[in-house]
Amino acid sequence: MEPNGVGHMASGDVRFTFRSDETDVNVTIEGKRAWVEGLVEELGLSEVGTMLPIGIPSPSSKQPSVLEDDGEGNAHLPPSDMGPEPDPSRIPVVRRPIGALNVEIEIEKIGLKPPSQNDVFELMDAFAELEEPRPIQGEMSVDPMAEAWLKELMRLIVREGGRTALATETIEEVASAKLGGRTGVELSVWLESLFAAGKLVKIHGGDATGWGPSPRWLG
């Protein structure tokens, strides 16, 4: 049976995609049609998802539909809309002596300097004034209440502070008591699990690791 009612397709390369936000499942399979269909059937995904041939030209494309041979006797349509040609003249050229780049100054210019202790105190005060959120509903969570508090903290730094992330140490200092008392390695492991679930983004900052909200998770 064709996933999502997709009708007959010519043999060749196809792409099957299936995504479930509720279970954080994202499946993409590409390859020969028969092989992909067999794998989809084996995974029990025949009734869901979408299967499309690879290489369908864009409707807006004015290039002719020319079939290419992939060397194995299978003809397929080459991608015809690859976007505009790169323009090297639009790439700025920056030259400086080796070792002359001051990373700290450049980071400050774009507003990514680490928060001062005063900033942390202000964040603690603002976080303490938040109303208690409702536990996370309808999602797989090992600690729905702690996750709800973390979401409120992330919403606070994005909407009120204009930041993109907080270091692990800052999260611990500001919100550990609301995050199930997690500190140190335990807190890092929990944040890693939320990153693996697609709820947080992870930012490597050299001396520290930062965590920011996934837009889909933050809502």
Foldseek 3Di string as FASTA:
>chain_A
DAAPPDDDDDWDKKWWWDADLLALDTDIDIDTPVVVVVVCVVVVNRHHTHMGHPADEDPVFPDDQDWDDPVPRDTDGHYRPPDDDDDVVPDDDDDDPPPPDDVQVVCVVVPNHADDPVVLVVLLVVLVPDDQDDFDPSHDDPGRRLVRSVLVSQCCCVVPVVDFWHFLVSCCVRCCVRNVVDDDPRSVVRLVVCVVSVQWDWDDDPVTIIIHGRPVNSD
